[in-house]
Amino acid sequence: MKKTVMYAAAFALALGLGFSANAMALDKGPAEITLLATVDAAATPKPAMFPHAKHQEKLACKECHHSKGADGKQVAYVEGQKIEKCESCHNKAAGMTNAKVATFKDAAHTRCKGCHTEKKAGPTKCPDCHKK
């Protein structure tokens, strides 16, 4: 009887861990995201509407997301890693030497507009993302 209870408990634990790992893998974040600079905010920061789910249909997470290593250099995205806010690194205090990505605004404009221009798809004009 003890063996049966132990096996049942072990099975339930393994099953629970499997479901929780699967649930984390399925969490792709919100479908729509409002991007707003808070660290290096302009006098009147303009929020940008970002259709996250629409981008996930066409792109892998690693196309946009990455992290940084102990040396401060960009490290490629690894499936399942925690996604930090862009501003945690892309801000004036972080001391990035590449002006194209030094702030959240600069990084978003470089990455987003650059991709849309290159692929000739998606918005490239200010009011397309920065709705009133």
C-alpha atoms as a PDB file:
ATOM      1  CA  MET A   1       0.000   0.000   0.000  1.00  0.00           C
ATOM      2  CA  LYS A   2       2.837   2.387   0.903  1.00  0.00           C
ATOM      3  CA  LYS A   3       4.474   1.775  -2.481  1.00  0.00           C
ATOM      4  CA  THR A   4       1.254   2.599  -4.300  1.00  0.00           C
ATOM      5  CA  VAL A   5       0.846   5.854  -2.384  1.00  0.00           C
ATOM      6  CA  MET A   6       4.497   6.784  -3.018  1.00  0.00           C
ATOM      7  CA  TYR A   7       4.204   6.033  -6.744  1.00  0.00           C
ATOM      8  CA  ALA A   8       0.942   7.975  -6.957  1.00  0.00           C
ATOM      9  CA  ALA A   9       2.502  10.947  -5.168  1.00  0.00           C
ATOM     10  CA  ALA A  10       5.578  10.881  -7.433  1.00  0.00           C
ATOM     11  CA  PHE A  11       3.368  10.621 -10.529  1.00  0.00           C
ATOM     12  CA  ALA A  12       1.192  13.531  -9.358  1.00  0.00           C
ATOM     13  CA  LEU A  13       4.288  15.650  -8.686  1.00  0.00           C
ATOM     14  CA  ALA A  14       5.786  14.869 -12.105  1.00  0.00           C
ATOM     15  CA  LEU A  15       2.464  15.563 -13.788  1.00  0.00           C
ATOM     16  CA  GLY A  16       2.112  18.879 -11.948  1.00  0.00           C
ATOM     17  CA  LEU A  17       5.635  19.954 -12.896  1.00  0.00           C
ATOM     18  CA  GLY A  18       4.947  19.000 -16.499  1.00  0.00           C
ATOM     19  CA  PHE A  19       1.759  21.069 -16.607  1.00  0.00           C
ATOM     20  CA  SER A  20       3.423  24.090 -15.003  1.00  0.00           C
ATOM     21  CA  ALA A  21       6.372  23.923 -17.423  1.00  0.00           C
ATOM     22  CA  ASN A  22       3.936  23.654 -20.325  1.00  0.00           C
ATOM     23  CA  ALA A  23       1.924  26.609 -19.034  1.00  0.00           C
ATOM     24  CA  MET A  24       5.084  28.733 -18.804  1.00  0.00           C
ATOM     25  CA  ALA A  25       6.050  27.770 -22.354  1.00  0.00           C
ATOM     26  CA  LEU A  26       2.586  28.753 -23.583  1.00  0.00           C
ATOM     27  CA  ASP A  27       2.731  32.179 -21.891  1.00  0.00           C
ATOM     28  CA  LYS A  28       3.643  34.382 -24.813  1.00  0.00           C
ATOM     29  CA  GLY A  29       2.857  37.641 -23.055  1.00  0.00           C
ATOM     30  CA  PRO A  30       0.018  40.041 -23.796  1.00  0.00           C
ATOM     31  CA  ALA A  31      -1.525  40.224 -27.275  1.00  0.00           C
ATOM     32  CA  GLU A  32      -1.256  44.025 -27.308  1.00  0.00           C
ATOM     33  CA  ILE A  33       1.412  46.053 -25.544  1.00  0.00           C
ATOM     34  CA  THR A  34       1.571  49.801 -24.958  1.00  0.00           C
ATOM     35  CA  LEU A  35       5.211  50.819 -25.185  1.00  0.00           C
ATOM     36  CA  LEU A  36       6.063  53.884 -23.139  1.00  0.00           C
ATOM     37  CA  ALA A  37       9.435  55.281 -22.170  1.00  0.00           C
ATOM     38  CA  THR A  38       9.641  55.759 -18.405  1.00  0.00           C
ATOM     39  CA  VAL A  39      13.375  55.932 -17.667  1.00  0.00           C
ATOM     40  CA  ASP A  40      14.427  58.440 -20.330  1.00  0.00           C
ATOM     41  CA  ALA A  41      10.972  59.912 -20.800  1.00  0.00           C
ATOM     42  CA  ALA A  42      10.649  62.890 -23.105  1.00  0.00           C
ATOM     43  CA  ALA A  43       8.816  66.007 -21.912  1.00  0.00           C
ATOM     44  CA  THR A  44       5.632  64.378 -23.208  1.00  0.00           C
ATOM     45  CA  PRO A  45       6.366  60.704 -23.909  1.00  0.00           C
ATOM     46  CA  LYS A  46       4.257  59.296 -26.706  1.00  0.00           C
ATOM     47  CA  PRO A  47       3.059  55.732 -26.127  1.00  0.00           C
ATOM     48  CA  ALA A  48       3.270  53.335 -29.064  1.00  0.00           C
ATOM     49  CA  MET A  49       0.761  50.559 -29.620  1.00  0.00           C
ATOM     50  CA  PHE A  50       2.493  47.259 -30.337  1.00  0.00           C
ATOM     51  CA  PRO A  51       0.506  44.272 -31.683  1.00  0.00           C
ATOM     52  CA  HIS A  52       2.588  41.595 -29.943  1.00  0.00           C
ATOM     53  CA  ALA A  53       0.422  38.601 -30.967  1.00  0.00           C
ATOM     54  CA  LYS A  54       0.486  39.667 -34.625  1.00  0.00           C
ATOM     55  CA  HIS A  55       4.292  39.749 -34.546  1.00  0.00           C
ATOM     56  CA  GLN A  56       4.452  36.353 -32.817  1.00  0.00           C
ATOM     57  CA  GLU A  57       2.558  34.825 -35.742  1.00  0.00           C
ATOM     58  CA  LYS A  58       5.391  35.799 -38.105  1.00  0.00           C
ATOM     59  CA  LEU A  59       8.549  36.010 -36.004  1.00  0.00           C
ATOM     60  CA  ALA A  60      10.416  33.870 -33.495  1.00  0.00           C
ATOM     61  CA  CYS A  61      10.982  35.439 -30.055  1.00  0.00           C
ATOM     62  CA  LYS A  62      14.723  35.682 -30.739  1.00  0.00           C
ATOM     63  CA  GLU A  63      14.080  38.048 -33.653  1.00  0.00           C
ATOM     64  CA  CYS A  64      13.398  40.857 -31.161  1.00  0.00           C
ATOM     65  CA  HIS A  65      14.290  39.646 -27.673  1.00  0.00           C
ATOM     66  CA  HIS A  66      17.767  39.224 -26.184  1.00  0.00           C
ATOM     67  CA  SER A  67      19.541  39.720 -22.880  1.00  0.00           C
ATOM     68  CA  LYS A  68      22.942  40.969 -21.816  1.00  0.00           C
ATOM     69  CA  GLY A  69      25.912  39.196 -20.344  1.00  0.00           C
ATOM     70  CA  ALA A  70      28.019  40.120 -17.336  1.00  0.00           C
ATOM     71  CA  ASP A  71      30.280  42.094 -19.684  1.00  0.00           C
ATOM     72  CA  GLY A  72      27.302  44.228 -20.754  1.00  0.00           C
ATOM     73  CA  LYS A  73      27.247  42.849 -24.291  1.00  0.00           C
ATOM     74  CA  GLN A  74      24.167  41.503 -26.034  1.00  0.00           C
ATOM     75  CA  VAL A  75      23.487  37.794 -25.559  1.00  0.00           C
ATOM     76  CA  ALA A  76      21.171  35.896 -27.900  1.00  0.00           C
ATOM     77  CA  TYR A  77      17.703  34.925 -26.685  1.00  0.00           C
ATOM     78  CA  VAL A  78      17.323  31.403 -25.320  1.00  0.00           C
ATOM     79  CA  GLU A  79      13.852  29.818 -25.507  1.00  0.00           C
ATOM     80  CA  GLY A  80      12.019  30.241 -22.215  1.00  0.00           C
ATOM     81  CA  GLN A  81      14.277  32.925 -20.736  1.00  0.00           C
ATOM     82  CA  LYS A  82      12.725  35.696 -18.669  1.00  0.00           C
ATOM     83  CA  ILE A  83      11.941  38.736 -20.789  1.00  0.00           C
ATOM     84  CA  GLU A  84      13.168  41.926 -19.176  1.00  0.00           C
ATOM     85  CA  LYS A  85      11.883  45.384 -20.052  1.00  0.00           C
ATOM     86  CA  CYS A  86      13.894  46.928 -22.871  1.00  0.00           C
ATOM     87  CA  GLU A  87      14.556  49.962 -20.666  1.00  0.00           C
ATOM     88  CA  SER A  88      16.433  47.863 -18.134  1.00  0.00           C
ATOM     89  CA  CYS A  89      19.424  48.191 -20.489  1.00  0.00           C
ATOM     90  CA  HIS A  90      18.361  50.699 -23.130  1.00  0.00           C
ATOM     91  CA  ASN A  91      18.539  53.897 -21.079  1.00  0.00           C
ATOM     92  CA  LYS A  92      20.968  56.801 -20.767  1.00  0.00           C
ATOM     93  CA  ALA A  93      22.302  55.632 -17.404  1.00  0.00           C
ATOM     94  CA  ALA A  94      23.363  52.262 -18.852  1.00  0.00           C
ATOM     95  CA  GLY A  95      26.083  54.010 -20.850  1.00  0.00           C
ATOM     96  CA  MET A  96      25.580  52.246 -24.170  1.00  0.00           C
ATOM     97  CA  THR A  97      28.067  53.482 -26.718  1.00  0.00           C
ATOM     98  CA  ASN A  98      25.899  52.734 -29.764  1.00  0.00           C
ATOM     99  CA  ALA A  99      23.657  55.803 -30.059  1.00  0.00           C
ATOM    100  CA  LYS A 100      21.231  53.898 -32.307  1.00  0.00           C
ATOM    101  CA  VAL A 101      20.107  51.788 -29.333  1.00  0.00           C
ATOM    102  CA  ALA A 102      21.178  53.899 -26.339  1.00  0.00           C
ATOM    103  CA  THR A 103      17.616  54.554 -25.166  1.00  0.00           C
ATOM    104  CA  PHE A 104      14.397  52.560 -25.359  1.00  0.00           C
ATOM    105  CA  LYS A 105      13.043  55.002 -27.944  1.00  0.00           C
ATOM    106  CA  ASP A 106      16.215  54.730 -30.040  1.00  0.00           C
ATOM    107  CA  ALA A 107      16.257  50.937 -29.811  1.00  0.00           C
ATOM    108  CA  ALA A 108      12.576  50.620 -30.744  1.00  0.00           C
ATOM    109  CA  HIS A 109      12.878  53.000 -33.665  1.00  0.00           C
ATOM    110  CA  THR A 110      16.028  51.269 -34.907  1.00  0.00           C
ATOM    111  CA  ARG A 111      14.695  47.726 -34.519  1.00  0.00           C
ATOM    112  CA  CYS A 112      11.027  48.241 -35.442  1.00  0.00           C
ATOM    113  CA  LYS A 113      11.276  50.843 -38.175  1.00  0.00           C
ATOM    114  CA  GLY A 114      14.387  49.147 -39.524  1.00  0.00           C
ATOM    115  CA  CYS A 115      12.604  45.799 -39.843  1.00  0.00           C
ATOM    116  CA  HIS A 116       9.483  47.348 -41.361  1.00  0.00           C
ATOM    117  CA  THR A 117      11.545  49.342 -43.866  1.00  0.00           C
ATOM    118  CA  GLU A 118      13.692  46.338 -44.778  1.00  0.00           C
ATOM    119  CA  LYS A 119      10.712  44.019 -45.266  1.00  0.00           C
ATOM    120  CA  LYS A 120       8.600  46.748 -46.863  1.00  0.00           C
ATOM    121  CA  ALA A 121       5.783  45.780 -44.515  1.00  0.00           C
ATOM    122  CA  GLY A 122       4.318  47.432 -41.454  1.00  0.00           C
ATOM    123  CA  PRO A 123       4.192  51.008 -40.259  1.00  0.00           C
ATOM    124  CA  THR A 124       7.097  53.418 -40.625  1.00  0.00           C
ATOM    125  CA  LYS A 125       5.353  56.762 -39.997  1.00  0.00           C
ATOM    126  CA  CYS A 126       4.944  58.184 -36.477  1.00  0.00           C
ATOM    127  CA  PRO A 127       1.111  58.204 -36.253  1.00  0.00           C
ATOM    128  CA  ASP A 128       0.965  54.561 -37.364  1.00  0.00           C
ATOM    129  CA  CYS A 129       2.270  53.448 -33.955  1.00  0.00           C
ATOM    130  CA  HIS A 130       1.800  56.562 -31.830  1.00  0.00           C
ATOM    131  CA  LYS A 131      -1.981  56.850 -31.869  1.00  0.00           C
ATOM    132  CA  LYS A 132      -3.665  59.932 -30.408  1.00  0.00           C
END
